[in-house]
Amino acid sequence: MNAEYRKGYVFVQNVFSGIIRETDSGYEFSYDEEYLKSKNPLAVSLTLPLQKELFESKTLFPFFDGLIPEGWLLNVVSKNWKIDRRDRFGLLLAVCKDSVGDVSVRVCV
C-alpha cells in the first residue's frame, strides 16, 4: 500500500460515491462499497466505471484534472488561494467542491 498524503471525498449528484487519494506513487480512486450497493449508482465518468477494484494512476486522472478551471480563472484561483498552478491535486481540492456538473470533490478532514 502506498503512503497517503491528501485525499478528497467524491460526490455524484451530492451523494458520496468514493475517495480520491494522493499517494507517494501517484493517485488512487475507489468507489465506496455502500455507494456501489445503492440503487442505480452512477459512475463518476466513463473512464472510471463502477467497480470494486481500486483505480491507480501516476498522474491525476484526466476526468478529475478536467474539473480544474483554466485560463484567467485558474490565474485568479492560484493567486487568491496561493496554490501553485502545477499542484493539480491542491487545485482540485480547493475549487471543485461546487463544480459545474454532477461531480464534486470535498476535502477530507
PDB file of N, CA and C in Angstrom:
ATOM      1  N   MET A   1       0.846  -1.189   0.000  1.00  0.00           N
ATOM      2  CA  MET A   1       0.000   0.000   0.000  1.00  0.00           C
ATOM      3  C   MET A   1       0.885   1.244   0.000  1.00  0.00           C
ATOM      4  N   ASN A   2       0.498   2.229  -0.757  1.00  0.00           N
ATOM      5  CA  ASN A   2       1.248   3.474  -0.856  1.00  0.00           C
ATOM      6  C   ASN A   2       0.976   4.373   0.339  1.00  0.00           C
ATOM      7  N   ALA A   3       1.965   5.180   0.692  1.00  0.00           N
ATOM      8  CA  ALA A   3       1.745   6.197   1.716  1.00  0.00           C
ATOM      9  C   ALA A   3       0.743   7.205   1.166  1.00  0.00           C
ATOM     10  N   GLU A   4      -0.190   7.616   1.996  1.00  0.00           N
ATOM     11  CA  GLU A   4      -1.257   8.529   1.571  1.00  0.00           C
ATOM     12  C   GLU A   4      -0.956   9.937   2.064  1.00  0.00           C
ATOM     13  N   TYR A   5      -1.193  10.912   1.218  1.00  0.00           N
ATOM     14  CA  TYR A   5      -0.960  12.296   1.590  1.00  0.00           C
ATOM     15  C   TYR A   5      -2.285  13.033   1.738  1.00  0.00           C
ATOM     16  N   ARG A   6      -2.776  13.603   0.675  1.00  0.00           N
ATOM     17  CA  ARG A   6      -4.065  14.313   0.722  1.00  0.00           C
ATOM     18  C   ARG A   6      -5.144  13.440   0.098  1.00  0.00           C
ATOM     19  N   LYS A   7      -6.394  13.708   0.489  1.00  0.00           N
ATOM     20  CA  LYS A   7      -7.498  12.965  -0.115  1.00  0.00           C
ATOM     21  C   LYS A   7      -8.747  13.819  -0.140  1.00  0.00           C
ATOM     22  N   GLY A   8      -9.664  13.438  -1.008  1.00  0.00           N
ATOM     23  CA  GLY A   8     -10.925  14.166  -1.134  1.00  0.00           C
ATOM     24  C   GLY A   8     -12.093  13.206  -1.276  1.00  0.00           C
ATOM     25  N   TYR A   9     -13.219  13.609  -0.710  1.00  0.00           N
ATOM     26  CA  TYR A   9     -14.461  12.857  -0.874  1.00  0.00           C
ATOM     27  C   TYR A   9     -15.067  13.234  -2.216  1.00  0.00           C
ATOM     28  N   VAL A  10     -15.464  12.248  -2.980  1.00  0.00           N
ATOM     29  CA  VAL A  10     -16.057  12.475  -4.300  1.00  0.00           C
ATOM     30  C   VAL A  10     -17.562  12.240  -4.206  1.00  0.00           C
ATOM     31  N   PHE A  11     -18.326  13.194  -4.729  1.00  0.00           N
ATOM     32  CA  PHE A  11     -19.786  13.123  -4.709  1.00  0.00           C
ATOM     33  C   PHE A  11     -20.317  13.134  -6.135  1.00  0.00           C
ATOM     34  N   VAL A  12     -21.334  12.323  -6.387  1.00  0.00           N
ATOM     35  CA  VAL A  12     -22.045  12.338  -7.658  1.00  0.00           C
ATOM     36  C   VAL A  12     -23.475  12.741  -7.341  1.00  0.00           C
ATOM     37  N   GLN A  13     -23.927  13.845  -7.915  1.00  0.00           N
ATOM     38  CA  GLN A  13     -25.254  14.402  -7.633  1.00  0.00           C
ATOM     39  C   GLN A  13     -25.472  14.530  -6.125  1.00  0.00           C
ATOM     40  N   ASN A  14     -24.453  15.047  -5.433  1.00  0.00           N
ATOM     41  CA  ASN A  14     -24.460  15.282  -3.988  1.00  0.00           C
ATOM     42  C   ASN A  14     -24.606  14.019  -3.150  1.00  0.00           C
ATOM     43  N   VAL A  15     -24.276  12.869  -3.709  1.00  0.00           N
ATOM     44  CA  VAL A  15     -24.269  11.605  -2.971  1.00  0.00           C
ATOM     45  C   VAL A  15     -22.825  11.125  -2.899  1.00  0.00           C
ATOM     46  N   PHE A  16     -22.342  10.829  -1.686  1.00  0.00           N
ATOM     47  CA  PHE A  16     -20.971  10.363  -1.524  1.00  0.00           C
ATOM     48  C   PHE A  16     -20.766   9.095  -2.341  1.00  0.00           C
ATOM     49  N   SER A  17     -19.733   9.102  -3.202  1.00  0.00           N
ATOM     50  CA  SER A  17     -19.517   7.964  -4.084  1.00  0.00           C
ATOM     51  C   SER A  17     -18.138   7.312  -3.929  1.00  0.00           C
ATOM     52  N   GLY A  18     -17.156   8.038  -3.414  1.00  0.00           N
ATOM     53  CA  GLY A  18     -15.834   7.441  -3.278  1.00  0.00           C
ATOM     54  C   GLY A  18     -14.804   8.427  -2.778  1.00  0.00           C
ATOM     55  N   ILE A  19     -13.543   7.982  -2.807  1.00  0.00           N
ATOM     56  CA  ILE A  19     -12.438   8.802  -2.313  1.00  0.00           C
ATOM     57  C   ILE A  19     -11.313   8.816  -3.342  1.00  0.00           C
ATOM     58  N   ILE A  20     -10.783  10.012  -3.575  1.00  0.00           N
ATOM     59  CA  ILE A  20      -9.583  10.152  -4.402  1.00  0.00           C
ATOM     60  C   ILE A  20      -8.436  10.494  -3.459  1.00  0.00           C
ATOM     61  N   ARG A  21      -7.296   9.829  -3.673  1.00  0.00           N
ATOM     62  CA  ARG A  21      -6.147   9.996  -2.787  1.00  0.00           C
ATOM     63  C   ARG A  21      -4.890  10.328  -3.581  1.00  0.00           C
ATOM     64  N   GLU A  22      -4.054  11.153  -2.960  1.00  0.00           N
ATOM     65  CA  GLU A  22      -2.716  11.401  -3.471  1.00  0.00           C
ATOM     66  C   GLU A  22      -1.781  10.482  -2.692  1.00  0.00           C
ATOM     67  N   THR A  23      -0.942   9.735  -3.399  1.00  0.00           N
ATOM     68  CA  THR A  23      -0.025   8.808  -2.734  1.00  0.00           C
ATOM     69  C   THR A  23       1.403   9.102  -3.162  1.00  0.00           C
ATOM     70  N   ASP A  24       2.338   8.374  -2.582  1.00  0.00           N
ATOM     71  CA  ASP A  24       3.737   8.593  -2.951  1.00  0.00           C
ATOM     72  C   ASP A  24       4.061   8.133  -4.367  1.00  0.00           C
ATOM     73  N   SER A  25       3.167   7.344  -4.969  1.00  0.00           N
ATOM     74  CA  SER A  25       3.419   6.896  -6.345  1.00  0.00           C
ATOM     75  C   SER A  25       2.415   7.448  -7.352  1.00  0.00           C
ATOM     76  N   GLY A  26       1.561   8.366  -6.939  1.00  0.00           N
ATOM     77  CA  GLY A  26       0.593   8.963  -7.855  1.00  0.00           C
ATOM     78  C   GLY A  26      -0.748   9.206  -7.194  1.00  0.00           C
ATOM     79  N   TYR A  27      -1.789   8.608  -7.784  1.00  0.00           N
ATOM     80  CA  TYR A  27      -3.151   8.845  -7.324  1.00  0.00           C
ATOM     81  C   TYR A  27      -3.954   7.553  -7.327  1.00  0.00           C
ATOM     82  N   GLU A  28      -4.944   7.501  -6.438  1.00  0.00           N
ATOM     83  CA  GLU A  28      -5.862   6.371  -6.364  1.00  0.00           C
ATOM     84  C   GLU A  28      -7.285   6.895  -6.272  1.00  0.00           C
ATOM     85  N   PHE A  29      -8.202   6.166  -6.871  1.00  0.00           N
ATOM     86  CA  PHE A  29      -9.622   6.455  -6.706  1.00  0.00           C
ATOM     87  C   PHE A  29     -10.332   5.144  -6.443  1.00  0.00           C
ATOM     88  N   SER A  30     -11.228   5.151  -5.467  1.00  0.00           N
ATOM     89  CA  SER A  30     -12.026   3.960  -5.189  1.00  0.00           C
ATOM     90  C   SER A  30     -13.454   4.380  -4.888  1.00  0.00           C
ATOM     91  N   TYR A  31     -14.380   3.585  -5.396  1.00  0.00           N
ATOM     92  CA  TYR A  31     -15.787   3.797  -5.089  1.00  0.00           C
ATOM     93  C   TYR A  31     -16.087   3.272  -3.693  1.00  0.00           C
ATOM     94  N   ASP A  32     -17.000   3.916  -3.017  1.00  0.00           N
ATOM     95  CA  ASP A  32     -17.472   3.481  -1.714  1.00  0.00           C
ATOM     96  C   ASP A  32     -18.325   2.221  -1.883  1.00  0.00           C
ATOM     97  N   GLU A  33     -18.123   1.225  -1.036  1.00  0.00           N
ATOM     98  CA  GLU A  33     -18.871  -0.033  -1.136  1.00  0.00           C
ATOM     99  C   GLU A  33     -20.376   0.182  -1.024  1.00  0.00           C
ATOM    100  N   GLU A  34     -20.790   1.032  -0.104  1.00  0.00           N
ATOM    101  CA  GLU A  34     -22.225   1.296   0.075  1.00  0.00           C
ATOM    102  C   GLU A  34     -22.814   1.973  -1.160  1.00  0.00           C
ATOM    103  N   TYR A  35     -22.027   2.851  -1.760  1.00  0.00           N
ATOM    104  CA  TYR A  35     -22.480   3.522  -2.977  1.00  0.00           C
ATOM    105  C   TYR A  35     -22.683   2.497  -4.091  1.00  0.00           C
ATOM    106  N   LEU A  36     -21.736   1.575  -4.236  1.00  0.00           N
ATOM    107  CA  LEU A  36     -21.850   0.551  -5.269  1.00  0.00           C
ATOM    108  C   LEU A  36     -23.078  -0.334  -5.062  1.00  0.00           C
ATOM    109  N   LYS A  37     -23.476  -0.545  -3.794  1.00  0.00           N
ATOM    110  CA  LYS A  37     -24.631  -1.384  -3.467  1.00  0.00           C
ATOM    111  C   LYS A  37     -25.949  -0.625  -3.575  1.00  0.00           C
ATOM    112  N   SER A  38     -25.876   0.705  -3.647  1.00  0.00           N
ATOM    113  CA  SER A  38     -27.092   1.518  -3.674  1.00  0.00           C
ATOM    114  C   SER A  38     -27.874   1.314  -4.968  1.00  0.00           C
ATOM    115  N   LYS A  39     -29.112   1.758  -4.952  1.00  0.00           N
ATOM    116  CA  LYS A  39     -29.956   1.621  -6.134  1.00  0.00           C
ATOM    117  C   LYS A  39     -29.506   2.617  -7.196  1.00  0.00           C
ATOM    118  N   ASN A  40     -29.184   2.122  -8.374  1.00  0.00           N
ATOM    119  CA  ASN A  40     -28.790   2.926  -9.532  1.00  0.00           C
ATOM    120  C   ASN A  40     -27.606   3.865  -9.286  1.00  0.00           C
ATOM    121  N   PRO A  41     -26.474   3.352  -8.823  1.00  0.00           N
ATOM    122  CA  PRO A  41     -25.312   4.242  -8.670  1.00  0.00           C
ATOM    123  C   PRO A  41     -24.827   4.702 -10.044  1.00  0.00           C
ATOM    124  N   LEU A  42     -24.297   5.900 -10.083  1.00  0.00           N
ATOM    125  CA  LEU A  42     -23.778   6.469 -11.329  1.00  0.00           C
ATOM    126  C   LEU A  42     -22.256   6.488 -11.274  1.00  0.00           C
ATOM    127  N   ALA A  43     -21.617   6.177 -12.380  1.00  0.00           N
ATOM    128  CA  ALA A  43     -20.163   6.256 -12.463  1.00  0.00           C
ATOM    129  C   ALA A  43     -19.733   7.719 -12.456  1.00  0.00           C
ATOM    130  N   VAL A  44     -18.577   7.973 -11.887  1.00  0.00           N
ATOM    131  CA  VAL A  44     -18.019   9.318 -11.887  1.00  0.00           C
ATOM    132  C   VAL A  44     -17.791   9.772 -13.331  1.00  0.00           C
ATOM    133  N   SER A  45     -17.282   8.872 -14.156  1.00  0.00           N
ATOM    134  CA  SER A  45     -17.066   9.164 -15.571  1.00  0.00           C
ATOM    135  C   SER A  45     -16.998   7.851 -16.341  1.00  0.00           C
ATOM    136  N   LEU A  46     -17.008   7.948 -17.659  1.00  0.00           N
ATOM    137  CA  LEU A  46     -16.871   6.742 -18.484  1.00  0.00           C
ATOM    138  C   LEU A  46     -15.499   6.098 -18.298  1.00  0.00           C
ATOM    139  N   THR A  47     -14.498   6.896 -17.973  1.00  0.00           N
ATOM    140  CA  THR A  47     -13.147   6.374 -17.791  1.00  0.00           C
ATOM    141  C   THR A  47     -12.928   5.793 -16.393  1.00  0.00           C
ATOM    142  N   LEU A  48     -13.903   5.990 -15.489  1.00  0.00           N
ATOM    143  CA  LEU A  48     -13.849   5.428 -14.142  1.00  0.00           C
ATOM    144  C   LEU A  48     -15.162   4.681 -13.883  1.00  0.00           C
ATOM    145  N   PRO A  49     -15.360   3.556 -14.580  1.00  0.00           N
ATOM    146  CA  PRO A  49     -16.625   2.826 -14.454  1.00  0.00           C
ATOM    147  C   PRO A  49     -16.815   2.248 -13.050  1.00  0.00           C
ATOM    148  N   LEU A  50     -18.052   1.954 -12.716  1.00  0.00           N
ATOM    149  CA  LEU A  50     -18.361   1.372 -11.409  1.00  0.00           C
ATOM    150  C   LEU A  50     -17.641   0.035 -11.260  1.00  0.00           C
ATOM    151  N   GLN A  51     -16.852  -0.078 -10.189  1.00  0.00           N
ATOM    152  CA  GLN A  51     -16.159  -1.328  -9.889  1.00  0.00           C
ATOM    153  C   GLN A  51     -15.646  -1.289  -8.458  1.00  0.00           C
ATOM    154  N   LYS A  52     -15.446  -2.466  -7.879  1.00  0.00           N
ATOM    155  CA  LYS A  52     -14.913  -2.557  -6.520  1.00  0.00           C
ATOM    156  C   LYS A  52     -13.409  -2.320  -6.491  1.00  0.00           C
ATOM    157  N   GLU A  53     -12.723  -2.648  -7.580  1.00  0.00           N
ATOM    158  CA  GLU A  53     -11.276  -2.549  -7.628  1.00  0.00           C
ATOM    159  C   GLU A  53     -10.813  -1.092  -7.634  1.00  0.00           C
ATOM    160  N   LEU A  54      -9.661  -0.884  -7.057  1.00  0.00           N
ATOM    161  CA  LEU A  54      -9.028   0.423  -6.962  1.00  0.00           C
ATOM    162  C   LEU A  54      -8.502   0.877  -8.322  1.00  0.00           C
ATOM    163  N   PHE A  55      -8.690   2.138  -8.651  1.00  0.00           N
ATOM    164  CA  PHE A  55      -8.076   2.744  -9.837  1.00  0.00           C
ATOM    165  C   PHE A  55      -6.775   3.395  -9.379  1.00  0.00           C
ATOM    166  N   GLU A  56      -5.709   3.206 -10.145  1.00  0.00           N
ATOM    167  CA  GLU A  56      -4.424   3.809  -9.817  1.00  0.00           C
ATOM    168  C   GLU A  56      -3.846   4.500 -11.050  1.00  0.00           C
ATOM    169  N   SER A  57      -3.153   5.615 -10.815  1.00  0.00           N
ATOM    170  CA  SER A  57      -2.542   6.353 -11.914  1.00  0.00           C
ATOM    171  C   SER A  57      -1.331   7.122 -11.393  1.00  0.00           C
ATOM    172  N   LYS A  58      -0.305   7.231 -12.227  1.00  0.00           N
ATOM    173  CA  LYS A  58       0.875   8.016 -11.847  1.00  0.00           C
ATOM    174  C   LYS A  58       0.595   9.520 -11.951  1.00  0.00           C
ATOM    175  N   THR A  59      -0.377   9.891 -12.781  1.00  0.00           N
ATOM    176  CA  THR A  59      -0.780  11.291 -12.920  1.00  0.00           C
ATOM    177  C   THR A  59      -2.236  11.427 -12.492  1.00  0.00           C
ATOM    178  N   LEU A  60      -2.652  12.644 -12.220  1.00  0.00           N
ATOM    179  CA  LEU A  60      -4.036  12.874 -11.828  1.00  0.00           C
ATOM    180  C   LEU A  60      -4.961  12.394 -12.939  1.00  0.00           C
ATOM    181  N   PHE A  61      -5.983  11.631 -12.578  1.00  0.00           N
ATOM    182  CA  PHE A  61      -6.914  11.089 -13.560  1.00  0.00           C
ATOM    183  C   PHE A  61      -7.441  12.224 -14.447  1.00  0.00           C
ATOM    184  N   PRO A  62      -7.431  12.042 -15.770  1.00  0.00           N
ATOM    185  CA  PRO A  62      -7.864  13.106 -16.676  1.00  0.00           C
ATOM    186  C   PRO A  62      -9.243  13.675 -16.346  1.00  0.00           C
ATOM    187  N   PHE A  63     -10.182  12.834 -15.919  1.00  0.00           N
ATOM    188  CA  PHE A  63     -11.502  13.348 -15.596  1.00  0.00           C
ATOM    189  C   PHE A  63     -11.425  14.383 -14.480  1.00  0.00           C
ATOM    190  N   PHE A  64     -10.704  14.056 -13.404  1.00  0.00           N
ATOM    191  CA  PHE A  64     -10.601  14.984 -12.274  1.00  0.00           C
ATOM    192  C   PHE A  64      -9.802  16.222 -12.653  1.00  0.00           C
ATOM    193  N   ASP A  65      -8.753  16.056 -13.442  1.00  0.00           N
ATOM    194  CA  ASP A  65      -7.974  17.200 -13.909  1.00  0.00           C
ATOM    195  C   ASP A  65      -8.850  18.146 -14.731  1.00  0.00           C
ATOM    196  N   GLY A  66      -9.797  17.584 -15.462  1.00  0.00           N
ATOM    197  CA  GLY A  66     -10.701  18.389 -16.279  1.00  0.00           C
ATOM    198  C   GLY A  66     -11.676  19.230 -15.475  1.00  0.00           C
ATOM    199  N   LEU A  67     -11.840  18.937 -14.191  1.00  0.00           N
ATOM    200  CA  LEU A  67     -12.723  19.739 -13.334  1.00  0.00           C
ATOM    201  C   LEU A  67     -12.068  21.047 -12.897  1.00  0.00           C
ATOM    202  N   ILE A  68     -10.753  21.115 -13.006  1.00  0.00           N
ATOM    203  CA  ILE A  68      -9.997  22.286 -12.554  1.00  0.00           C
ATOM    204  C   ILE A  68     -10.156  23.419 -13.562  1.00  0.00           C
ATOM    205  N   PRO A  69     -10.383  24.649 -13.075  1.00  0.00           N
ATOM    206  CA  PRO A  69     -10.534  25.784 -14.001  1.00  0.00           C
ATOM    207  C   PRO A  69      -9.294  25.997 -14.857  1.00  0.00           C
ATOM    208  N   GLU A  70      -9.496  26.712 -15.955  1.00  0.00           N
ATOM    209  CA  GLU A  70      -8.410  27.022 -16.878  1.00  0.00           C
ATOM    210  C   GLU A  70      -8.343  28.525 -17.104  1.00  0.00           C
ATOM    211  N   GLY A  71      -7.305  28.954 -17.785  1.00  0.00           N
ATOM    212  CA  GLY A  71      -7.187  30.344 -18.221  1.00  0.00           C
ATOM    213  C   GLY A  71      -7.181  31.348 -17.087  1.00  0.00           C
ATOM    214  N   TRP A  72      -7.903  32.435 -17.301  1.00  0.00           N
ATOM    215  CA  TRP A  72      -7.895  33.537 -16.342  1.00  0.00           C
ATOM    216  C   TRP A  72      -8.441  33.105 -14.985  1.00  0.00           C
ATOM    217  N   LEU A  73      -9.417  32.193 -14.962  1.00  0.00           N
ATOM    218  CA  LEU A  73      -9.986  31.734 -13.689  1.00  0.00           C
ATOM    219  C   LEU A  73      -8.950  30.940 -12.896  1.00  0.00           C
ATOM    220  N   LEU A  74      -8.142  30.143 -13.585  1.00  0.00           N
ATOM    221  CA  LEU A  74      -7.058  29.425 -12.920  1.00  0.00           C
ATOM    222  C   LEU A  74      -6.065  30.411 -12.318  1.00  0.00           C
ATOM    223  N   ASN A  75      -5.764  31.482 -13.035  1.00  0.00           N
ATOM    224  CA  ASN A  75      -4.862  32.510 -12.510  1.00  0.00           C
ATOM    225  C   ASN A  75      -5.422  33.137 -11.241  1.00  0.00           C
ATOM    226  N   VAL A  76      -6.713  33.438 -11.245  1.00  0.00           N
ATOM    227  CA  VAL A  76      -7.370  34.040 -10.070  1.00  0.00           C
ATOM    228  C   VAL A  76      -7.309  33.079  -8.891  1.00  0.00           C
ATOM    229  N   VAL A  77      -7.670  31.832  -9.122  1.00  0.00           N
ATOM    230  CA  VAL A  77      -7.673  30.823  -8.058  1.00  0.00           C
ATOM    231  C   VAL A  77      -6.268  30.641  -7.492  1.00  0.00           C
ATOM    232  N   SER A  78      -5.303  30.476  -8.366  1.00  0.00           N
ATOM    233  CA  SER A  78      -3.921  30.262  -7.949  1.00  0.00           C
ATOM    234  C   SER A  78      -3.405  31.433  -7.117  1.00  0.00           C
ATOM    235  N   LYS A  79      -3.692  32.641  -7.553  1.00  0.00           N
ATOM    236  CA  LYS A  79      -3.215  33.839  -6.854  1.00  0.00           C
ATOM    237  C   LYS A  79      -3.945  34.039  -5.530  1.00  0.00           C
ATOM    238  N   ASN A  80      -5.277  33.960  -5.535  1.00  0.00           N
ATOM    239  CA  ASN A  80      -6.050  34.244  -4.325  1.00  0.00           C
ATOM    240  C   ASN A  80      -5.864  33.199  -3.235  1.00  0.00           C
ATOM    241  N   TRP A  81      -5.748  31.929  -3.630  1.00  0.00           N
ATOM    242  CA  TRP A  81      -5.603  30.867  -2.627  1.00  0.00           C
ATOM    243  C   TRP A  81      -4.160  30.425  -2.450  1.00  0.00           C
ATOM    244  N   LYS A  82      -3.248  31.111  -3.162  1.00  0.00           N
ATOM    245  CA  LYS A  82      -1.818  30.830  -3.061  1.00  0.00           C
ATOM    246  C   LYS A  82      -1.511  29.349  -3.265  1.00  0.00           C
ATOM    247  N   ILE A  83      -2.058  28.807  -4.365  1.00  0.00           N
ATOM    248  CA  ILE A  83      -1.821  27.419  -4.747  1.00  0.00           C
ATOM    249  C   ILE A  83      -1.049  27.424  -6.062  1.00  0.00           C
ATOM    250  N   ASP A  84       0.063  26.736  -6.076  1.00  0.00           N
ATOM    251  CA  ASP A  84       0.876  26.646  -7.285  1.00  0.00           C
ATOM    252  C   ASP A  84       0.047  26.038  -8.413  1.00  0.00           C
ATOM    253  N   ARG A  85       0.107  26.628  -9.585  1.00  0.00           N
ATOM    254  CA  ARG A  85      -0.666  26.141 -10.745  1.00  0.00           C
ATOM    255  C   ARG A  85      -0.320  24.695 -11.100  1.00  0.00           C
ATOM    256  N   ARG A  86       0.877  24.252 -10.733  1.00  0.00           N
ATOM    257  CA  ARG A  86       1.284  22.870 -11.026  1.00  0.00           C
ATOM    258  C   ARG A  86       0.767  21.876  -9.986  1.00  0.00           C
ATOM    259  N   ASP A  87       0.235  22.374  -8.872  1.00  0.00           N
ATOM    260  CA  ASP A  87      -0.327  21.497  -7.833  1.00  0.00           C
ATOM    261  C   ASP A  87      -1.776  21.174  -8.203  1.00  0.00           C
ATOM    262  N   ARG A  88      -1.930  20.291  -9.170  1.00  0.00           N
ATOM    263  CA  ARG A  88      -3.258  19.978  -9.704  1.00  0.00           C
ATOM    264  C   ARG A  88      -4.175  19.392  -8.630  1.00  0.00           C
ATOM    265  N   PHE A  89      -3.639  18.550  -7.758  1.00  0.00           N
ATOM    266  CA  PHE A  89      -4.480  17.953  -6.720  1.00  0.00           C
ATOM    267  C   PHE A  89      -4.913  19.015  -5.705  1.00  0.00           C
ATOM    268  N   GLY A  90      -4.012  19.909  -5.346  1.00  0.00           N
ATOM    269  CA  GLY A  90      -4.359  21.009  -4.441  1.00  0.00           C
ATOM    270  C   GLY A  90      -5.447  21.889  -5.028  1.00  0.00           C
ATOM    271  N   LEU A  91      -5.342  22.172  -6.321  1.00  0.00           N
ATOM    272  CA  LEU A  91      -6.372  22.960  -7.003  1.00  0.00           C
ATOM    273  C   LEU A  91      -7.706  22.215  -7.023  1.00  0.00           C
ATOM    274  N   LEU A  92      -7.665  20.907  -7.286  1.00  0.00           N
ATOM    275  CA  LEU A  92      -8.883  20.090  -7.297  1.00  0.00           C
ATOM    276  C   LEU A  92      -9.586  20.182  -5.945  1.00  0.00           C
ATOM    277  N   LEU A  93      -8.841  20.024  -4.864  1.00  0.00           N
ATOM    278  CA  LEU A  93      -9.438  20.064  -3.529  1.00  0.00           C
ATOM    279  C   LEU A  93      -9.964  21.452  -3.167  1.00  0.00           C
ATOM    280  N   ALA A  94      -9.282  22.485  -3.654  1.00  0.00           N
ATOM    281  CA  ALA A  94      -9.656  23.850  -3.299  1.00  0.00           C
ATOM    282  C   ALA A  94     -10.883  24.360  -4.048  1.00  0.00           C
ATOM    283  N   VAL A  95     -11.020  24.009  -5.313  1.00  0.00           N
ATOM    284  CA  VAL A  95     -12.048  24.673  -6.127  1.00  0.00           C
ATOM    285  C   VAL A  95     -13.171  23.777  -6.636  1.00  0.00           C
ATOM    286  N   CYS A  96     -13.102  22.492  -6.413  1.00  0.00           N
ATOM    287  CA  CYS A  96     -14.087  21.603  -7.042  1.00  0.00           C
ATOM    288  C   CYS A  96     -15.179  21.111  -6.097  1.00  0.00           C
ATOM    289  N   LYS A  97     -15.348  21.804  -4.968  1.00  0.00           N
ATOM    290  CA  LYS A  97     -16.434  21.399  -4.064  1.00  0.00           C
ATOM    291  C   LYS A  97     -17.791  21.856  -4.594  1.00  0.00           C
ATOM    292  N   ASP A  98     -17.801  22.858  -5.447  1.00  0.00           N
ATOM    293  CA  ASP A  98     -19.035  23.355  -6.060  1.00  0.00           C
ATOM    294  C   ASP A  98     -18.875  23.424  -7.571  1.00  0.00           C
ATOM    295  N   SER A  99     -18.305  22.377  -8.159  1.00  0.00           N
ATOM    296  CA  SER A  99     -18.046  22.415  -9.594  1.00  0.00           C
ATOM    297  C   SER A  99     -19.328  22.271 -10.401  1.00  0.00           C
ATOM    298  N   VAL A 100     -19.259  22.718 -11.631  1.00  0.00           N
ATOM    299  CA  VAL A 100     -20.387  22.609 -12.550  1.00  0.00           C
ATOM    300  C   VAL A 100     -20.513  21.140 -12.952  1.00  0.00           C
ATOM    301  N   GLY A 101     -21.721  20.618 -12.986  1.00  0.00           N
ATOM    302  CA  GLY A 101     -21.929  19.230 -13.373  1.00  0.00           C
ATOM    303  C   GLY A 101     -22.293  18.363 -12.183  1.00  0.00           C
ATOM    304  N   ASP A 102     -22.271  17.060 -12.410  1.00  0.00           N
ATOM    305  CA  ASP A 102     -22.727  16.100 -11.403  1.00  0.00           C
ATOM    306  C   ASP A 102     -21.699  15.767 -10.335  1.00  0.00           C
ATOM    307  N   VAL A 103     -20.419  15.996 -10.608  1.00  0.00           N
ATOM    308  CA  VAL A 103     -19.364  15.543  -9.706  1.00  0.00           C
ATOM    309  C   VAL A 103     -18.732  16.702  -8.957  1.00  0.00           C
ATOM    310  N   SER A 104     -18.544  16.496  -7.656  1.00  0.00           N
ATOM    311  CA  SER A 104     -17.827  17.479  -6.831  1.00  0.00           C
ATOM    312  C   SER A 104     -16.847  16.732  -5.937  1.00  0.00           C
ATOM    313  N   VAL A 105     -15.823  17.453  -5.487  1.00  0.00           N
ATOM    314  CA  VAL A 105     -14.785  16.877  -4.622  1.00  0.00           C
ATOM    315  C   VAL A 105     -14.665  17.784  -3.412  1.00  0.00           C
ATOM    316  N   ARG A 106     -14.762  17.170  -2.231  1.00  0.00           N
ATOM    317  CA  ARG A 106     -14.660  17.932  -0.980  1.00  0.00           C
ATOM    318  C   ARG A 106     -13.494  17.424  -0.166  1.00  0.00           C
ATOM    319  N   VAL A 107     -12.883  18.296   0.588  1.00  0.00           N
ATOM    320  CA  VAL A 107     -11.700  17.963   1.368  1.00  0.00           C
ATOM    321  C   VAL A 107     -12.058  17.002   2.499  1.00  0.00           C
ATOM    322  N   CYS A 108     -11.231  15.958   2.647  1.00  0.00           N
ATOM    323  CA  CYS A 108     -11.344  15.054   3.797  1.00  0.00           C
ATOM    324  C   CYS A 108     -10.614  15.717   4.958  1.00  0.00           C
ATOM    325  N   VAL A 109     -11.244  15.734   6.102  1.00  0.00           N
ATOM    326  CA  VAL A 109     -10.607  16.340   7.277  1.00  0.00           C
ATOM    327  C   VAL A 109     -10.136  15.273   8.226  1.00  0.00           C
TER     328      VAL A 109
END
